[in-house]
Amino acid sequence: MAASPTVIAAFQTASGITSVSTHDALTFVLAALVLIWLAWAVFGIGTRVLDGRMSIGDATWYVARALVISMLVVFVLIR
């Protein structure tokens, strides 16, 4: 649900924060969360490979999928 232009203008006037800087801050935080998720996924997959519970071929596909998902999300955020 989008806010009306008068509500956005009132927010900008009262808070002193522009909608552009708010959007940039949210984009930065969401992109950081996606990259943290990517690091967590790669760490988990790497741990399974080193423990011998997953083959390198399967791990490559999991890492590739995680990379593609994170790249798409970051691309949509910064676009």
C-alpha atoms as a PDB file:
ATOM      1  CA  MET A   1       0.000   0.000   0.000  1.00  0.00           C
ATOM      2  CA  ALA A   2       1.564   3.255  -1.132  1.00  0.00           C
ATOM      3  CA  ALA A   3       1.393   6.393   0.947  1.00  0.00           C
ATOM      4  CA  SER A   4      -0.140   9.500  -0.533  1.00  0.00           C
ATOM      5  CA  PRO A   5       2.175  12.328  -1.590  1.00  0.00           C
ATOM      6  CA  THR A   6       0.871  14.541   1.223  1.00  0.00           C
ATOM      7  CA  VAL A   7       1.774  11.930   3.823  1.00  0.00           C
ATOM      8  CA  ILE A   8       5.254  11.560   2.365  1.00  0.00           C
ATOM      9  CA  ALA A   9       5.700  15.338   2.267  1.00  0.00           C
ATOM     10  CA  ALA A  10       4.555  15.623   5.886  1.00  0.00           C
ATOM     11  CA  PHE A  11       7.023  12.904   6.916  1.00  0.00           C
ATOM     12  CA  GLN A  12       9.882  14.625   5.109  1.00  0.00           C
ATOM     13  CA  THR A  13       9.035  17.979   6.643  1.00  0.00           C
ATOM     14  CA  ALA A  14       8.626  16.693  10.185  1.00  0.00           C
ATOM     15  CA  SER A  15      11.598  14.335  10.244  1.00  0.00           C
ATOM     16  CA  GLY A  16      14.038  16.226   8.092  1.00  0.00           C
ATOM     17  CA  ILE A  17      14.822  13.007   6.243  1.00  0.00           C
ATOM     18  CA  THR A  18      14.188  12.826   2.521  1.00  0.00           C
ATOM     19  CA  SER A  19      12.582   9.812   0.945  1.00  0.00           C
ATOM     20  CA  VAL A  20      15.674   9.298  -1.205  1.00  0.00           C
ATOM     21  CA  SER A  21      17.950   8.909   1.810  1.00  0.00           C
ATOM     22  CA  THR A  22      15.390   6.636   3.492  1.00  0.00           C
ATOM     23  CA  HIS A  23      15.249   4.470   0.366  1.00  0.00           C
ATOM     24  CA  ASP A  24      19.046   4.356   0.183  1.00  0.00           C
ATOM     25  CA  ALA A  25      19.317   3.320   3.841  1.00  0.00           C
ATOM     26  CA  LEU A  26      16.731   0.549   3.446  1.00  0.00           C
ATOM     27  CA  THR A  27      18.431  -0.664   0.270  1.00  0.00           C
ATOM     28  CA  PHE A  28      21.786  -0.782   2.037  1.00  0.00           C
ATOM     29  CA  VAL A  29      20.393  -2.711   4.999  1.00  0.00           C
ATOM     30  CA  LEU A  30      18.521  -5.231   2.833  1.00  0.00           C
ATOM     31  CA  ALA A  31      21.546  -5.767   0.584  1.00  0.00           C
ATOM     32  CA  ALA A  32      23.700  -6.329   3.672  1.00  0.00           C
ATOM     33  CA  LEU A  33      21.213  -8.909   4.975  1.00  0.00           C
ATOM     34  CA  VAL A  34      21.281 -10.739   1.642  1.00  0.00           C
ATOM     35  CA  LEU A  35      25.076 -10.804   1.641  1.00  0.00           C
ATOM     36  CA  ILE A  36      25.107 -12.064   5.237  1.00  0.00           C
ATOM     37  CA  TRP A  37      22.685 -14.818   4.182  1.00  0.00           C
ATOM     38  CA  LEU A  38      24.995 -15.687   1.276  1.00  0.00           C
ATOM     39  CA  ALA A  39      28.006 -15.949   3.582  1.00  0.00           C
ATOM     40  CA  TRP A  40      26.010 -18.102   6.004  1.00  0.00           C
ATOM     41  CA  ALA A  41      24.857 -20.421   3.187  1.00  0.00           C
ATOM     42  CA  VAL A  42      28.367 -20.822   1.768  1.00  0.00           C
ATOM     43  CA  PHE A  43      29.748 -21.482   5.256  1.00  0.00           C
ATOM     44  CA  GLY A  44      27.115 -24.161   5.876  1.00  0.00           C
ATOM     45  CA  ILE A  45      27.740 -25.835   2.537  1.00  0.00           C
ATOM     46  CA  GLY A  46      31.506 -25.668   3.029  1.00  0.00           C
ATOM     47  CA  THR A  47      31.164 -27.252   6.454  1.00  0.00           C
ATOM     48  CA  ARG A  48      29.173 -30.140   5.002  1.00  0.00           C
ATOM     49  CA  VAL A  49      31.758 -30.668   2.267  1.00  0.00           C
ATOM     50  CA  LEU A  50      34.629 -30.672   4.753  1.00  0.00           C
ATOM     51  CA  ASP A  51      32.765 -33.101   7.020  1.00  0.00           C
ATOM     52  CA  GLY A  52      32.208 -35.421   4.057  1.00  0.00           C
ATOM     53  CA  ARG A  53      28.421 -35.193   4.214  1.00  0.00           C
ATOM     54  CA  MET A  54      28.126 -33.589   0.754  1.00  0.00           C
ATOM     55  CA  SER A  55      29.969 -34.088  -2.504  1.00  0.00           C
ATOM     56  CA  ILE A  56      31.773 -31.219  -4.183  1.00  0.00           C
ATOM     57  CA  GLY A  57      29.475 -31.464  -7.222  1.00  0.00           C
ATOM     58  CA  ASP A  58      26.337 -31.000  -5.130  1.00  0.00           C
ATOM     59  CA  ALA A  59      27.959 -28.209  -3.137  1.00  0.00           C
ATOM     60  CA  THR A  60      28.861 -26.371  -6.339  1.00  0.00           C
ATOM     61  CA  TRP A  61      25.216 -26.319  -7.428  1.00  0.00           C
ATOM     62  CA  TYR A  62      24.033 -25.123  -4.013  1.00  0.00           C
ATOM     63  CA  VAL A  63      26.624 -22.335  -3.961  1.00  0.00           C
ATOM     64  CA  ALA A  64      25.780 -21.364  -7.541  1.00  0.00           C
ATOM     65  CA  ARG A  65      22.073 -21.137  -6.711  1.00  0.00           C
ATOM     66  CA  ALA A  66      22.767 -19.073  -3.602  1.00  0.00           C
ATOM     67  CA  LEU A  67      24.953 -16.724  -5.652  1.00  0.00           C
ATOM     68  CA  VAL A  68      22.317 -16.292  -8.353  1.00  0.00           C
ATOM     69  CA  ILE A  69      19.584 -15.606  -5.804  1.00  0.00           C
ATOM     70  CA  SER A  70      21.682 -13.062  -3.936  1.00  0.00           C
ATOM     71  CA  MET A  71      22.774 -11.341  -7.156  1.00  0.00           C
ATOM     72  CA  LEU A  72      19.178 -11.046  -8.328  1.00  0.00           C
ATOM     73  CA  VAL A  73      18.015  -9.625  -5.008  1.00  0.00           C
ATOM     74  CA  VAL A  74      20.858  -7.090  -4.839  1.00  0.00           C
ATOM     75  CA  PHE A  75      20.302  -6.127  -8.481  1.00  0.00           C
ATOM     76  CA  VAL A  76      16.605  -5.494  -7.850  1.00  0.00           C
ATOM     77  CA  LEU A  77      17.444  -3.463  -4.742  1.00  0.00           C
ATOM     78  CA  ILE A  78      19.979  -1.186  -6.407  1.00  0.00           C
ATOM     79  CA  ARG A  79      18.049  -0.805  -9.650  1.00  0.00           C
END
